[in-house]
Amino acid sequence: MSELDQWVAEVAVELGLGDVEVPTREVLDVARDVAHNVLRPGAPVSAYLLGLAVAAGADPADAAQRISALALRRAAPGN
């Protein structure tokens, strides 16, 4: 178990989430895309919004891809 996996497990227990599957790679990809293509403070806020979307029933991979695509479109020339 990586240090990140251990931290995620500890936070999940602390928040009463139990043994929850966290799409760590997708969350990190969203944070990277937003931080590099939109603005740094947008990364954690976007990760939070991703969590809200998943809690409301969105597919984690789809929601992450949509946020990343939006960030990449913002960075595209002409935008």
N, C-alpha and C. Protein backbone atom coordinates (compact mmCIF):
# COMPACT_ATOMS: atom_id res chain seq x y z
N MET A 1 0.85 -1.18 0.00
CA MET A 1 0.00 0.00 0.00
C MET A 1 0.89 1.24 0.00
N SER A 2 0.61 2.16 -0.93
CA SER A 2 1.41 3.38 -1.01
C SER A 2 1.01 4.32 0.12
N GLU A 3 1.83 5.32 0.33
CA GLU A 3 1.52 6.31 1.36
C GLU A 3 0.20 7.01 1.05
N LEU A 4 -0.04 7.29 -0.24
CA LEU A 4 -1.29 7.93 -0.63
C LEU A 4 -2.48 7.01 -0.34
N ASP A 5 -2.36 5.74 -0.68
CA ASP A 5 -3.44 4.79 -0.40
C ASP A 5 -3.73 4.71 1.09
N GLN A 6 -2.66 4.71 1.88
CA GLN A 6 -2.82 4.66 3.33
C GLN A 6 -3.53 5.91 3.83
N TRP A 7 -3.14 7.07 3.33
CA TRP A 7 -3.77 8.33 3.73
C TRP A 7 -5.26 8.32 3.36
N VAL A 8 -5.57 7.91 2.15
CA VAL A 8 -6.96 7.87 1.69
C VAL A 8 -7.78 6.95 2.60
N ALA A 9 -7.23 5.81 2.95
CA ALA A 9 -7.92 4.87 3.83
C ALA A 9 -8.16 5.49 5.21
N GLU A 10 -7.16 6.18 5.74
CA GLU A 10 -7.30 6.82 7.05
C GLU A 10 -8.37 7.91 7.02
N VAL A 11 -8.38 8.72 5.97
CA VAL A 11 -9.37 9.79 5.85
C VAL A 11 -10.77 9.19 5.72
N ALA A 12 -10.89 8.14 4.93
CA ALA A 12 -12.20 7.49 4.76
C ALA A 12 -12.74 7.00 6.10
N VAL A 13 -11.88 6.40 6.91
CA VAL A 13 -12.31 5.95 8.23
C VAL A 13 -12.70 7.14 9.10
N GLU A 14 -11.88 8.17 9.09
CA GLU A 14 -12.14 9.36 9.91
C GLU A 14 -13.48 10.00 9.56
N LEU A 15 -13.84 9.97 8.28
CA LEU A 15 -15.09 10.58 7.83
C LEU A 15 -16.27 9.62 7.87
N GLY A 16 -16.04 8.41 8.36
CA GLY A 16 -17.11 7.43 8.47
C GLY A 16 -17.55 6.86 7.14
N LEU A 17 -16.66 6.85 6.16
CA LEU A 17 -17.00 6.34 4.84
C LEU A 17 -16.74 4.84 4.71
N GLY A 18 -16.04 4.28 5.68
CA GLY A 18 -15.74 2.85 5.64
C GLY A 18 -14.77 2.51 4.53
N ASP A 19 -14.95 1.33 3.97
CA ASP A 19 -14.06 0.83 2.91
C ASP A 19 -14.59 1.30 1.56
N VAL A 20 -14.27 2.51 1.20
CA VAL A 20 -14.77 3.12 -0.03
C VAL A 20 -13.68 3.08 -1.10
N GLU A 21 -14.08 2.85 -2.34
CA GLU A 21 -13.12 2.85 -3.44
C GLU A 21 -12.95 4.28 -3.94
N VAL A 22 -11.73 4.76 -3.92
CA VAL A 22 -11.44 6.13 -4.36
C VAL A 22 -10.69 6.06 -5.68
N PRO A 23 -11.20 6.72 -6.73
CA PRO A 23 -10.51 6.72 -8.02
C PRO A 23 -9.33 7.71 -8.00
N THR A 24 -8.31 7.33 -7.27
CA THR A 24 -7.17 8.22 -7.03
C THR A 24 -6.56 8.76 -8.32
N ARG A 25 -6.34 7.89 -9.28
CA ARG A 25 -5.72 8.31 -10.55
C ARG A 25 -6.57 9.39 -11.21
N GLU A 26 -7.88 9.19 -11.27
CA GLU A 26 -8.75 10.16 -11.92
C GLU A 26 -8.75 11.50 -11.18
N VAL A 27 -8.78 11.45 -9.86
CA VAL A 27 -8.76 12.69 -9.08
C VAL A 27 -7.46 13.45 -9.31
N LEU A 28 -6.34 12.73 -9.32
CA LEU A 28 -5.05 13.37 -9.55
C LEU A 28 -4.95 13.93 -10.97
N ASP A 29 -5.50 13.22 -11.94
CA ASP A 29 -5.49 13.71 -13.32
C ASP A 29 -6.30 15.00 -13.44
N VAL A 30 -7.47 15.04 -12.81
CA VAL A 30 -8.29 16.25 -12.83
C VAL A 30 -7.52 17.41 -12.20
N ALA A 31 -6.93 17.17 -11.03
CA ALA A 31 -6.18 18.22 -10.34
C ALA A 31 -5.04 18.74 -11.21
N ARG A 32 -4.32 17.84 -11.87
CA ARG A 32 -3.22 18.24 -12.74
C ARG A 32 -3.73 19.08 -13.90
N ASP A 33 -4.78 18.59 -14.58
CA ASP A 33 -5.27 19.31 -15.76
C ASP A 33 -5.79 20.69 -15.40
N VAL A 34 -6.50 20.80 -14.30
CA VAL A 34 -7.02 22.11 -13.90
C VAL A 34 -5.88 23.03 -13.45
N ALA A 35 -4.96 22.51 -12.64
CA ALA A 35 -3.86 23.33 -12.14
C ALA A 35 -2.99 23.86 -13.27
N HIS A 36 -2.75 23.04 -14.28
CA HIS A 36 -1.85 23.44 -15.37
C HIS A 36 -2.53 24.22 -16.48
N ASN A 37 -3.84 24.06 -16.62
CA ASN A 37 -4.52 24.67 -17.76
C ASN A 37 -5.54 25.73 -17.40
N VAL A 38 -5.93 25.81 -16.14
CA VAL A 38 -6.89 26.83 -15.73
C VAL A 38 -6.23 27.71 -14.68
N LEU A 39 -6.18 27.24 -13.43
CA LEU A 39 -5.47 27.93 -12.37
C LEU A 39 -5.28 26.97 -11.20
N ARG A 40 -4.18 27.15 -10.49
CA ARG A 40 -3.83 26.23 -9.40
C ARG A 40 -4.91 26.08 -8.33
N PRO A 41 -5.47 27.18 -7.82
CA PRO A 41 -6.49 27.02 -6.79
C PRO A 41 -7.74 26.29 -7.28
N GLY A 42 -7.91 26.20 -8.59
CA GLY A 42 -9.05 25.48 -9.13
C GLY A 42 -8.92 23.97 -8.98
N ALA A 43 -7.71 23.47 -8.75
CA ALA A 43 -7.49 22.02 -8.67
C ALA A 43 -8.23 21.39 -7.49
N PRO A 44 -8.02 21.84 -6.26
CA PRO A 44 -8.74 21.20 -5.15
C PRO A 44 -10.25 21.46 -5.21
N VAL A 45 -10.62 22.62 -5.70
CA VAL A 45 -12.06 22.92 -5.80
C VAL A 45 -12.71 22.01 -6.85
N SER A 46 -12.02 21.78 -7.95
CA SER A 46 -12.54 20.88 -8.97
C SER A 46 -12.62 19.45 -8.45
N ALA A 47 -11.64 19.04 -7.65
CA ALA A 47 -11.68 17.71 -7.04
C ALA A 47 -12.88 17.60 -6.11
N TYR A 48 -13.18 18.64 -5.40
CA TYR A 48 -14.36 18.67 -4.52
C TYR A 48 -15.63 18.54 -5.36
N LEU A 49 -15.71 19.30 -6.44
CA LEU A 49 -16.87 19.22 -7.32
C LEU A 49 -17.02 17.83 -7.92
N LEU A 50 -15.90 17.20 -8.26
CA LEU A 50 -15.93 15.82 -8.74
C LEU A 50 -16.55 14.92 -7.68
N GLY A 51 -16.16 15.10 -6.44
CA GLY A 51 -16.73 14.31 -5.35
C GLY A 51 -18.22 14.53 -5.19
N LEU A 52 -18.65 15.78 -5.32
CA LEU A 52 -20.09 16.07 -5.24
C LEU A 52 -20.85 15.38 -6.37
N ALA A 53 -20.28 15.41 -7.56
CA ALA A 53 -20.93 14.77 -8.71
C ALA A 53 -21.04 13.27 -8.50
N VAL A 54 -19.99 12.65 -8.00
CA VAL A 54 -20.00 11.21 -7.75
C VAL A 54 -21.00 10.88 -6.64
N ALA A 55 -21.04 11.70 -5.60
CA ALA A 55 -22.01 11.48 -4.52
C ALA A 55 -23.44 11.58 -5.03
N ALA A 56 -23.64 12.38 -6.07
CA ALA A 56 -24.98 12.54 -6.65
C ALA A 56 -25.28 11.45 -7.68
N GLY A 57 -24.33 10.54 -7.89
CA GLY A 57 -24.59 9.41 -8.77
C GLY A 57 -23.82 9.38 -10.06
N ALA A 58 -22.97 10.37 -10.32
CA ALA A 58 -22.19 10.38 -11.56
C ALA A 58 -21.13 9.27 -11.54
N ASP A 59 -20.83 8.77 -12.72
CA ASP A 59 -19.74 7.81 -12.86
C ASP A 59 -18.42 8.55 -12.64
N PRO A 60 -17.55 8.07 -11.73
CA PRO A 60 -16.31 8.79 -11.43
C PRO A 60 -15.42 9.02 -12.64
N ALA A 61 -15.24 8.00 -13.47
CA ALA A 61 -14.37 8.14 -14.64
C ALA A 61 -14.94 9.14 -15.64
N ASP A 62 -16.26 9.09 -15.86
CA ASP A 62 -16.89 10.00 -16.80
C ASP A 62 -16.82 11.44 -16.29
N ALA A 63 -17.14 11.65 -15.04
CA ALA A 63 -17.10 13.00 -14.48
C ALA A 63 -15.69 13.57 -14.51
N ALA A 64 -14.70 12.75 -14.18
CA ALA A 64 -13.30 13.20 -14.21
C ALA A 64 -12.90 13.57 -15.63
N GLN A 65 -13.29 12.74 -16.58
CA GLN A 65 -12.93 13.01 -17.98
C GLN A 65 -13.57 14.31 -18.45
N ARG A 66 -14.79 14.55 -18.04
CA ARG A 66 -15.48 15.78 -18.46
C ARG A 66 -14.82 17.02 -17.89
N ILE A 67 -14.40 16.95 -16.63
CA ILE A 67 -13.72 18.10 -16.01
C ILE A 67 -12.38 18.33 -16.69
N SER A 68 -11.63 17.26 -16.92
CA SER A 68 -10.33 17.39 -17.59
C SER A 68 -10.49 17.96 -18.99
N ALA A 69 -11.48 17.47 -19.73
CA ALA A 69 -11.71 17.97 -21.07
C ALA A 69 -12.04 19.46 -21.05
N LEU A 70 -12.84 19.88 -20.10
CA LEU A 70 -13.18 21.29 -19.96
C LEU A 70 -11.92 22.12 -19.69
N ALA A 71 -11.07 21.63 -18.80
CA ALA A 71 -9.82 22.34 -18.49
C ALA A 71 -8.92 22.42 -19.71
N LEU A 72 -8.84 21.35 -20.47
CA LEU A 72 -7.99 21.35 -21.66
C LEU A 72 -8.55 22.25 -22.73
N ARG A 73 -9.87 22.33 -22.84
CA ARG A 73 -10.47 23.28 -23.80
C ARG A 73 -10.18 24.72 -23.41
N ARG A 74 -10.19 24.99 -22.11
CA ARG A 74 -9.88 26.35 -21.64
C ARG A 74 -8.47 26.76 -22.02
N ALA A 75 -7.55 25.79 -22.06
CA ALA A 75 -6.16 26.07 -22.35
C ALA A 75 -5.86 26.11 -23.84
N ALA A 76 -6.80 25.65 -24.65
CA ALA A 76 -6.58 25.58 -26.10
C ALA A 76 -6.41 26.98 -26.66
N PRO A 77 -5.56 27.12 -27.69
CA PRO A 77 -5.37 28.43 -28.32
C PRO A 77 -6.71 29.00 -28.80
N GLY A 78 -6.88 30.27 -28.58
CA GLY A 78 -8.11 30.93 -29.00
C GLY A 78 -9.18 30.99 -27.92
N ASN A 79 -8.90 30.39 -26.77
CA ASN A 79 -9.88 30.42 -25.68
C ASN A 79 -9.42 31.34 -24.58
